Amino acid sequence: MLLNIVRGATSYEDIRTVNGIVHPSFKAVCLARGLLADDSEWNEALTEASTSASARQLRDMFCSILLFCEVTNPKELFKNYWKDLTDDFLYRMGMEMRNIDVHVLDCEQKKWGLLEIEHILNKIGRSLREFPPMPLPSSESDSFSMNRLIVEVLDYDTASVL
């Protein structure tokens, strides 16, 4: 398709160049030239849903969009909505740790969101690996699934027993 549009190209780099910018892939060139649909439809859907849906519902919706729609850049879509997708994280951590003043770094909250999305996809035999360039949850992210018994033991007040 690009060969029909780019006249006089003498190299692959010429084909990947749009307005003086050399793009990393032919797909990126097609996007820059407006030959492919962008993700505005999925952005609009998530924006609208984020006004009334819970974070859990948004994660389910995000997974459905990944699985059944033609998402051009899933990484960018996640980047735009990770706060909405993980809105319940601090509340859940606070409840599990019995401390409502829990403070977590944004990067940790993103990791937890990716882990939750990965769990949803795993339930139906899929994975984030199938949607490059989506970031993958790190193995340490599993530490976010707090074991309630461990939290209770750590909270135990030994001074009251003495």
N, C-alpha and C. Protein backbone atom coordinates (compact mmCIF):
# COMPACT_ATOMS: atom_id res chain seq x y z
N MET A 1 0.82 -1.18 0.00
CA MET A 1 0.00 0.00 0.00
C MET A 1 0.88 1.25 0.00
N LEU A 2 1.92 1.26 0.81
CA LEU A 2 2.78 2.44 0.88
C LEU A 2 3.51 2.70 -0.43
N LEU A 3 3.83 1.64 -1.15
CA LEU A 3 4.52 1.82 -2.44
C LEU A 3 3.66 2.58 -3.44
N ASN A 4 2.35 2.46 -3.31
CA ASN A 4 1.44 3.20 -4.20
C ASN A 4 1.28 4.66 -3.79
N ILE A 5 1.62 4.96 -2.55
CA ILE A 5 1.41 6.31 -2.03
C ILE A 5 2.71 7.13 -2.08
N VAL A 6 3.82 6.51 -1.71
CA VAL A 6 5.10 7.21 -1.65
C VAL A 6 5.76 7.13 -3.03
N ARG A 7 5.78 8.23 -3.71
CA ARG A 7 6.36 8.29 -5.06
C ARG A 7 7.85 8.61 -4.98
N GLY A 8 8.62 7.95 -5.80
CA GLY A 8 10.05 8.25 -5.92
C GLY A 8 10.90 7.74 -4.79
N ALA A 9 10.39 6.84 -3.98
CA ALA A 9 11.18 6.29 -2.88
C ALA A 9 12.28 5.40 -3.43
N THR A 10 13.50 5.58 -2.90
CA THR A 10 14.63 4.77 -3.36
C THR A 10 15.15 3.84 -2.27
N SER A 11 14.56 3.93 -1.09
CA SER A 11 14.98 3.06 0.02
C SER A 11 13.80 2.84 0.97
N TYR A 12 13.98 1.87 1.86
CA TYR A 12 12.96 1.63 2.88
C TYR A 12 12.82 2.84 3.80
N GLU A 13 13.94 3.52 4.04
CA GLU A 13 13.90 4.70 4.89
C GLU A 13 13.04 5.80 4.25
N ASP A 14 13.11 5.93 2.94
CA ASP A 14 12.26 6.90 2.24
C ASP A 14 10.78 6.57 2.44
N ILE A 15 10.47 5.30 2.40
CA ILE A 15 9.07 4.88 2.58
C ILE A 15 8.61 5.16 4.00
N ARG A 16 9.52 5.00 4.97
CA ARG A 16 9.16 5.21 6.38
C ARG A 16 9.21 6.67 6.81
N THR A 17 9.50 7.58 5.90
CA THR A 17 9.61 9.00 6.23
C THR A 17 8.32 9.75 5.88
N VAL A 18 7.81 10.47 6.88
CA VAL A 18 6.60 11.30 6.69
C VAL A 18 6.91 12.67 7.28
N ASN A 19 6.81 13.70 6.46
CA ASN A 19 7.09 15.08 6.89
C ASN A 19 8.44 15.21 7.58
N GLY A 20 9.45 14.54 7.04
CA GLY A 20 10.80 14.63 7.58
C GLY A 20 11.08 13.76 8.79
N ILE A 21 10.09 13.02 9.25
CA ILE A 21 10.26 12.13 10.41
C ILE A 21 10.32 10.69 9.94
N VAL A 22 11.41 10.01 10.29
CA VAL A 22 11.57 8.59 9.94
C VAL A 22 10.90 7.77 11.03
N HIS A 23 9.89 7.02 10.66
CA HIS A 23 9.14 6.21 11.63
C HIS A 23 9.78 4.83 11.77
N PRO A 24 9.64 4.21 12.95
CA PRO A 24 10.32 2.94 13.22
C PRO A 24 9.75 1.73 12.48
N SER A 25 8.50 1.82 12.05
CA SER A 25 7.89 0.66 11.38
C SER A 25 6.94 1.14 10.28
N PHE A 26 6.58 0.23 9.41
CA PHE A 26 5.65 0.57 8.33
C PHE A 26 4.25 0.82 8.90
N LYS A 27 3.92 0.13 9.98
CA LYS A 27 2.64 0.37 10.63
C LYS A 27 2.56 1.79 11.16
N ALA A 28 3.68 2.26 11.76
CA ALA A 28 3.73 3.64 12.27
C ALA A 28 3.58 4.64 11.14
N VAL A 29 4.15 4.33 9.99
CA VAL A 29 4.03 5.21 8.81
C VAL A 29 2.58 5.27 8.36
N CYS A 30 1.93 4.12 8.30
CA CYS A 30 0.52 4.07 7.90
C CYS A 30 -0.34 4.88 8.85
N LEU A 31 -0.04 4.80 10.14
CA LEU A 31 -0.78 5.60 11.13
C LEU A 31 -0.55 7.08 10.90
N ALA A 32 0.72 7.46 10.69
CA ALA A 32 1.06 8.87 10.49
C ALA A 32 0.40 9.43 9.22
N ARG A 33 0.24 8.60 8.22
CA ARG A 33 -0.39 9.04 6.98
C ARG A 33 -1.91 8.95 7.02
N GLY A 34 -2.44 8.42 8.13
CA GLY A 34 -3.88 8.32 8.26
C GLY A 34 -4.48 7.17 7.48
N LEU A 35 -3.67 6.17 7.17
CA LEU A 35 -4.14 5.03 6.40
C LEU A 35 -4.77 3.95 7.28
N LEU A 36 -4.48 4.00 8.56
CA LEU A 36 -5.07 3.04 9.51
C LEU A 36 -5.94 3.80 10.50
N ALA A 37 -6.91 3.10 11.00
CA ALA A 37 -7.76 3.69 12.03
C ALA A 37 -6.95 3.85 13.31
N ASP A 38 -7.24 4.89 14.06
CA ASP A 38 -6.57 5.07 15.33
C ASP A 38 -7.44 4.52 16.45
N ASP A 39 -7.02 4.72 17.67
CA ASP A 39 -7.73 4.16 18.82
C ASP A 39 -8.72 5.14 19.44
N SER A 40 -9.13 6.15 18.70
CA SER A 40 -10.03 7.16 19.27
C SER A 40 -11.35 6.54 19.73
N GLU A 41 -11.82 5.55 19.02
CA GLU A 41 -13.09 4.90 19.40
C GLU A 41 -12.95 4.23 20.77
N TRP A 42 -11.81 3.57 21.01
CA TRP A 42 -11.60 2.86 22.29
C TRP A 42 -11.33 3.88 23.39
N ASN A 43 -10.66 4.97 23.06
CA ASN A 43 -10.45 6.05 24.04
C ASN A 43 -11.78 6.65 24.48
N GLU A 44 -12.64 6.90 23.52
CA GLU A 44 -13.96 7.46 23.84
C GLU A 44 -14.79 6.50 24.69
N ALA A 45 -14.73 5.23 24.35
CA ALA A 45 -15.50 4.23 25.11
C ALA A 45 -15.02 4.15 26.56
N LEU A 46 -13.70 4.13 26.76
CA LEU A 46 -13.17 4.06 28.12
C LEU A 46 -13.41 5.37 28.89
N THR A 47 -13.33 6.50 28.19
CA THR A 47 -13.61 7.78 28.85
C THR A 47 -15.04 7.82 29.34
N GLU A 48 -15.95 7.42 28.49
CA GLU A 48 -17.37 7.43 28.86
C GLU A 48 -17.63 6.44 30.00
N ALA A 49 -17.08 5.24 29.89
CA ALA A 49 -17.32 4.22 30.92
C ALA A 49 -16.69 4.61 32.25
N SER A 50 -15.58 5.33 32.22
CA SER A 50 -14.89 5.68 33.47
C SER A 50 -15.70 6.64 34.35
N THR A 51 -16.71 7.27 33.78
CA THR A 51 -17.53 8.17 34.59
C THR A 51 -18.51 7.43 35.48
N SER A 52 -18.83 6.18 35.13
CA SER A 52 -19.83 5.46 35.92
C SER A 52 -19.46 4.02 36.29
N ALA A 53 -18.46 3.46 35.66
CA ALA A 53 -18.10 2.06 35.91
C ALA A 53 -17.06 1.96 37.02
N SER A 54 -17.04 0.82 37.68
CA SER A 54 -16.02 0.57 38.70
C SER A 54 -14.71 0.21 38.01
N ALA A 55 -13.63 0.25 38.77
CA ALA A 55 -12.33 -0.10 38.22
C ALA A 55 -12.34 -1.55 37.72
N ARG A 56 -12.99 -2.42 38.45
CA ARG A 56 -13.08 -3.83 38.03
C ARG A 56 -13.80 -3.95 36.68
N GLN A 57 -14.89 -3.22 36.52
CA GLN A 57 -15.62 -3.23 35.25
C GLN A 57 -14.77 -2.65 34.12
N LEU A 58 -14.01 -1.62 34.43
CA LEU A 58 -13.13 -1.02 33.41
C LEU A 58 -12.03 -1.99 32.99
N ARG A 59 -11.49 -2.74 33.96
CA ARG A 59 -10.46 -3.74 33.60
C ARG A 59 -11.05 -4.81 32.70
N ASP A 60 -12.27 -5.25 33.01
CA ASP A 60 -12.94 -6.22 32.15
C ASP A 60 -13.16 -5.65 30.75
N MET A 61 -13.59 -4.40 30.70
CA MET A 61 -13.82 -3.73 29.42
C MET A 61 -12.52 -3.58 28.64
N PHE A 62 -11.44 -3.20 29.34
CA PHE A 62 -10.14 -3.07 28.70
C PHE A 62 -9.72 -4.40 28.07
N CYS A 63 -9.92 -5.48 28.80
CA CYS A 63 -9.57 -6.81 28.27
C CYS A 63 -10.43 -7.16 27.06
N SER A 64 -11.71 -6.83 27.12
CA SER A 64 -12.60 -7.09 25.98
C SER A 64 -12.15 -6.30 24.75
N ILE A 65 -11.74 -5.07 24.97
CA ILE A 65 -11.25 -4.25 23.86
C ILE A 65 -9.99 -4.88 23.27
N LEU A 66 -9.08 -5.32 24.15
CA LEU A 66 -7.86 -5.98 23.65
C LEU A 66 -8.18 -7.22 22.84
N LEU A 67 -9.12 -8.02 23.34
CA LEU A 67 -9.41 -9.31 22.73
C LEU A 67 -10.23 -9.21 21.44
N PHE A 68 -11.19 -8.31 21.40
CA PHE A 68 -12.17 -8.35 20.31
C PHE A 68 -12.15 -7.14 19.39
N CYS A 69 -11.29 -6.18 19.63
CA CYS A 69 -11.24 -4.98 18.81
C CYS A 69 -9.84 -4.82 18.21
N GLU A 70 -9.74 -4.06 17.19
CA GLU A 70 -8.46 -3.81 16.54
C GLU A 70 -7.79 -2.61 17.20
N VAL A 71 -7.07 -2.85 18.29
CA VAL A 71 -6.39 -1.77 18.99
C VAL A 71 -5.03 -1.57 18.33
N THR A 72 -4.78 -0.34 17.92
CA THR A 72 -3.53 -0.02 17.24
C THR A 72 -2.37 0.04 18.21
N ASN A 73 -2.59 0.69 19.36
CA ASN A 73 -1.52 0.86 20.34
C ASN A 73 -2.04 0.58 21.76
N PRO A 74 -2.06 -0.69 22.17
CA PRO A 74 -2.59 -1.04 23.49
C PRO A 74 -1.79 -0.41 24.63
N LYS A 75 -0.50 -0.22 24.44
CA LYS A 75 0.34 0.38 25.47
C LYS A 75 -0.11 1.81 25.76
N GLU A 76 -0.39 2.56 24.71
CA GLU A 76 -0.85 3.95 24.86
C GLU A 76 -2.24 4.00 25.51
N LEU A 77 -3.08 3.05 25.13
CA LEU A 77 -4.42 2.98 25.72
C LEU A 77 -4.32 2.73 27.23
N PHE A 78 -3.45 1.82 27.63
CA PHE A 78 -3.23 1.55 29.05
C PHE A 78 -2.66 2.79 29.75
N LYS A 79 -1.70 3.43 29.09
CA LYS A 79 -1.07 4.63 29.66
C LYS A 79 -2.11 5.74 29.92
N ASN A 80 -3.09 5.85 29.03
CA ASN A 80 -4.11 6.89 29.18
C ASN A 80 -5.12 6.58 30.29
N TYR A 81 -5.32 5.31 30.62
CA TYR A 81 -6.41 4.93 31.54
C TYR A 81 -5.97 4.13 32.74
N TRP A 82 -4.67 4.02 33.01
CA TRP A 82 -4.24 3.17 34.12
C TRP A 82 -4.80 3.64 35.46
N LYS A 83 -4.95 4.94 35.65
CA LYS A 83 -5.49 5.43 36.93
C LYS A 83 -6.94 4.99 37.12
N ASP A 84 -7.73 5.05 36.04
CA ASP A 84 -9.12 4.60 36.14
C ASP A 84 -9.18 3.08 36.33
N LEU A 85 -8.28 2.36 35.68
CA LEU A 85 -8.26 0.90 35.76
C LEU A 85 -7.82 0.40 37.14
N THR A 86 -7.11 1.23 37.88
CA THR A 86 -6.58 0.82 39.19
C THR A 86 -7.13 1.68 40.32
N ASP A 87 -8.25 2.30 40.08
CA ASP A 87 -8.85 3.22 41.05
C ASP A 87 -9.14 2.56 42.39
N ASP A 88 -9.37 1.27 42.40
CA ASP A 88 -9.70 0.55 43.63
C ASP A 88 -8.49 0.01 44.38
N PHE A 89 -7.32 0.18 43.82
CA PHE A 89 -6.11 -0.43 44.39
C PHE A 89 -5.80 0.09 45.79
N LEU A 90 -5.76 1.40 45.96
CA LEU A 90 -5.42 1.96 47.27
C LEU A 90 -6.45 1.57 48.33
N TYR A 91 -7.71 1.57 47.93
CA TYR A 91 -8.76 1.17 48.86
C TYR A 91 -8.57 -0.28 49.30
N ARG A 92 -8.32 -1.16 48.32
CA ARG A 92 -8.14 -2.58 48.65
C ARG A 92 -6.92 -2.80 49.52
N MET A 93 -5.83 -2.11 49.20
CA MET A 93 -4.61 -2.24 50.01
C MET A 93 -4.87 -1.73 51.43
N GLY A 94 -5.56 -0.61 51.54
CA GLY A 94 -5.87 -0.06 52.86
C GLY A 94 -6.71 -1.00 53.68
N MET A 95 -7.70 -1.63 53.06
CA MET A 95 -8.56 -2.58 53.77
C MET A 95 -7.78 -3.81 54.22
N GLU A 96 -6.93 -4.33 53.33
CA GLU A 96 -6.17 -5.53 53.66
C GLU A 96 -5.13 -5.27 54.74
N MET A 97 -4.56 -4.08 54.72
CA MET A 97 -3.51 -3.76 55.69
C MET A 97 -4.07 -3.03 56.91
N ARG A 98 -5.40 -2.79 56.90
CA ARG A 98 -6.07 -2.08 58.00
C ARG A 98 -5.43 -0.72 58.26
N ASN A 99 -5.15 -0.03 57.16
CA ASN A 99 -4.54 1.29 57.25
C ASN A 99 -5.05 2.10 56.06
N ILE A 100 -5.92 3.05 56.32
CA ILE A 100 -6.51 3.80 55.21
C ILE A 100 -5.56 4.83 54.62
N ASP A 101 -4.43 5.09 55.30
CA ASP A 101 -3.46 6.06 54.80
C ASP A 101 -2.33 5.37 54.03
N VAL A 102 -2.66 4.43 53.18
CA VAL A 102 -1.66 3.72 52.41
C VAL A 102 -1.19 4.62 51.26
N HIS A 103 0.10 4.71 51.09
CA HIS A 103 0.67 5.48 49.98
C HIS A 103 1.51 4.54 49.12
N VAL A 104 1.23 4.55 47.83
CA VAL A 104 1.91 3.66 46.90
C VAL A 104 2.39 4.49 45.71
N LEU A 105 3.55 4.17 45.21
CA LEU A 105 4.07 4.85 44.03
C LEU A 105 3.22 4.52 42.81
N ASP A 106 3.15 5.46 41.88
CA ASP A 106 2.39 5.24 40.65
C ASP A 106 2.85 4.00 39.90
N CYS A 107 4.18 3.80 39.87
CA CYS A 107 4.71 2.64 39.13
C CYS A 107 4.22 1.33 39.75
N GLU A 108 4.09 1.29 41.08
CA GLU A 108 3.59 0.09 41.75
C GLU A 108 2.11 -0.13 41.44
N GLN A 109 1.37 0.95 41.38
CA GLN A 109 -0.06 0.86 41.07
C GLN A 109 -0.25 0.37 39.63
N LYS A 110 0.60 0.85 38.71
CA LYS A 110 0.53 0.39 37.31
C LYS A 110 0.84 -1.10 37.23
N LYS A 111 1.87 -1.53 37.98
CA LYS A 111 2.23 -2.96 37.97
C LYS A 111 1.06 -3.81 38.44
N TRP A 112 0.38 -3.33 39.49
CA TRP A 112 -0.77 -4.07 40.02
C TRP A 112 -1.87 -4.13 38.96
N GLY A 113 -2.11 -3.03 38.26
CA GLY A 113 -3.12 -3.01 37.20
C GLY A 113 -2.79 -4.00 36.10
N LEU A 114 -1.53 -4.04 35.70
CA LEU A 114 -1.11 -4.99 34.67
C LEU A 114 -1.30 -6.42 35.15
N LEU A 115 -0.99 -6.66 36.41
CA LEU A 115 -1.17 -8.00 36.98
C LEU A 115 -2.64 -8.40 36.98
N GLU A 116 -3.52 -7.47 37.35
CA GLU A 116 -4.96 -7.75 37.35
C GLU A 116 -5.45 -8.05 35.93
N ILE A 117 -4.99 -7.27 34.96
CA ILE A 117 -5.38 -7.50 33.56
C ILE A 117 -4.86 -8.85 33.08
N GLU A 118 -3.63 -9.17 33.47
CA GLU A 118 -3.05 -10.47 33.10
C GLU A 118 -3.87 -11.61 33.69
N HIS A 119 -4.33 -11.47 34.94
CA HIS A 119 -5.16 -12.51 35.57
C HIS A 119 -6.48 -12.69 34.82
N ILE A 120 -7.08 -11.60 34.41
CA ILE A 120 -8.34 -11.68 33.65
C ILE A 120 -8.11 -12.41 32.34
N LEU A 121 -7.04 -12.05 31.64
CA LEU A 121 -6.74 -12.70 30.36
C LEU A 121 -6.38 -14.17 30.55
N ASN A 122 -5.65 -14.48 31.63
CA ASN A 122 -5.25 -15.87 31.89
C ASN A 122 -6.45 -16.78 32.12
N LYS A 123 -7.53 -16.23 32.67
CA LYS A 123 -8.73 -17.04 32.92
C LYS A 123 -9.32 -17.61 31.62
N ILE A 124 -9.05 -16.94 30.51
CA ILE A 124 -9.57 -17.43 29.22
C ILE A 124 -8.44 -17.91 28.31
N GLY A 125 -7.29 -18.20 28.93
CA GLY A 125 -6.18 -18.78 28.18
C GLY A 125 -5.41 -17.80 27.32
N ARG A 126 -5.44 -16.54 27.66
CA ARG A 126 -4.71 -15.52 26.89
C ARG A 126 -3.71 -14.82 27.80
N SER A 127 -2.90 -13.93 27.22
CA SER A 127 -1.88 -13.22 27.99
C SER A 127 -1.58 -11.87 27.37
N LEU A 128 -1.04 -10.97 28.18
CA LEU A 128 -0.61 -9.67 27.66
C LEU A 128 0.51 -9.81 26.63
N ARG A 129 1.23 -10.94 26.67
CA ARG A 129 2.30 -11.18 25.70
C ARG A 129 1.77 -11.15 24.25
N GLU A 130 0.49 -11.42 24.09
CA GLU A 130 -0.11 -11.45 22.76
C GLU A 130 -0.44 -10.06 22.22
N PHE A 131 -0.21 -9.03 23.02
CA PHE A 131 -0.59 -7.67 22.64
C PHE A 131 0.59 -6.71 22.75
N PRO A 132 1.64 -6.98 21.95
CA PRO A 132 2.78 -6.06 22.02
C PRO A 132 2.36 -4.70 21.50
N PRO A 133 2.90 -3.67 21.98
CA PRO A 133 4.00 -3.52 22.96
C PRO A 133 3.52 -3.32 24.39
N MET A 134 2.42 -3.99 24.79
CA MET A 134 1.92 -3.85 26.16
C MET A 134 3.01 -4.26 27.14
N PRO A 135 3.19 -3.47 28.20
CA PRO A 135 4.14 -3.90 29.24
C PRO A 135 3.60 -5.13 29.95
N LEU A 136 4.50 -5.92 30.47
CA LEU A 136 4.11 -7.15 31.17
C LEU A 136 4.28 -6.94 32.68
N PRO A 137 3.41 -7.57 33.47
CA PRO A 137 3.59 -7.45 34.93
C PRO A 137 4.85 -8.19 35.34
N SER A 138 5.58 -7.61 36.28
CA SER A 138 6.80 -8.26 36.75
C SER A 138 6.44 -9.33 37.77
N SER A 139 7.37 -10.25 38.00
CA SER A 139 7.10 -11.35 38.93
C SER A 139 6.91 -10.83 40.35
N GLU A 140 7.54 -9.69 40.69
CA GLU A 140 7.37 -9.15 42.04
C GLU A 140 5.99 -8.57 42.24
N SER A 141 5.24 -8.35 41.16
CA SER A 141 3.89 -7.80 41.28
C SER A 141 2.97 -8.73 42.04
N ASP A 142 3.29 -10.01 42.04
CA ASP A 142 2.45 -10.97 42.76
C ASP A 142 2.44 -10.69 44.25
N SER A 143 3.43 -9.94 44.73
CA SER A 143 3.46 -9.63 46.16
C SER A 143 2.30 -8.72 46.55
N PHE A 144 1.63 -8.11 45.55
CA PHE A 144 0.50 -7.25 45.85
C PHE A 144 -0.70 -8.04 46.32
N SER A 145 -0.79 -9.32 45.95
CA SER A 145 -1.91 -10.10 46.44
C SER A 145 -1.59 -10.50 47.87
N MET A 146 -2.02 -9.66 48.78
CA MET A 146 -1.68 -9.82 50.19
C MET A 146 -2.41 -11.03 50.78
N ASN A 147 -1.68 -11.80 51.56
CA ASN A 147 -2.26 -12.90 52.28
C ASN A 147 -2.79 -12.35 53.60
N ARG A 148 -4.09 -12.48 53.81
CA ARG A 148 -4.72 -11.90 54.99
C ARG A 148 -4.12 -12.42 56.30
N LEU A 149 -3.74 -13.70 56.35
CA LEU A 149 -3.16 -14.26 57.56
C LEU A 149 -1.82 -13.61 57.90
N ILE A 150 -1.02 -13.35 56.87
CA ILE A 150 0.28 -12.69 57.10
C ILE A 150 0.05 -11.28 57.65
N VAL A 151 -0.91 -10.57 57.08
CA VAL A 151 -1.22 -9.22 57.56
C VAL A 151 -1.66 -9.26 59.02
N GLU A 152 -2.49 -10.24 59.38
CA GLU A 152 -2.96 -10.35 60.77
C GLU A 152 -1.81 -10.64 61.72
N VAL A 153 -0.89 -11.51 61.32
CA VAL A 153 0.25 -11.83 62.17
C VAL A 153 1.13 -10.60 62.35
N LEU A 154 1.35 -9.87 61.28
CA LEU A 154 2.18 -8.67 61.36
C LEU A 154 1.51 -7.58 62.21
N ASP A 155 0.21 -7.56 62.23
CA ASP A 155 -0.54 -6.57 63.00
C ASP A 155 -0.67 -6.95 64.48
N TYR A 156 -0.35 -8.16 64.83
CA TYR A 156 -0.56 -8.65 66.18
C TYR A 156 0.22 -7.81 67.19
N ASP A 157 -0.45 -7.35 68.20
CA ASP A 157 0.17 -6.49 69.22
C ASP A 157 0.71 -7.37 70.35
N THR A 158 2.00 -7.63 70.31
CA THR A 158 2.61 -8.51 71.32
C THR A 158 2.66 -7.83 72.69
N ALA A 159 2.66 -6.50 72.73
CA ALA A 159 2.73 -5.79 74.01
C ALA A 159 1.46 -6.02 74.84
N SER A 160 0.32 -6.22 74.18
CA SER A 160 -0.92 -6.42 74.91
C SER A 160 -0.97 -7.80 75.57
N VAL A 161 -0.20 -8.74 75.09
CA VAL A 161 -0.18 -10.08 75.66
C VAL A 161 0.64 -10.11 76.94
N LEU A 162 1.68 -9.31 77.00
CA LEU A 162 2.57 -9.30 78.17
C LEU A 162 1.91 -8.63 79.28
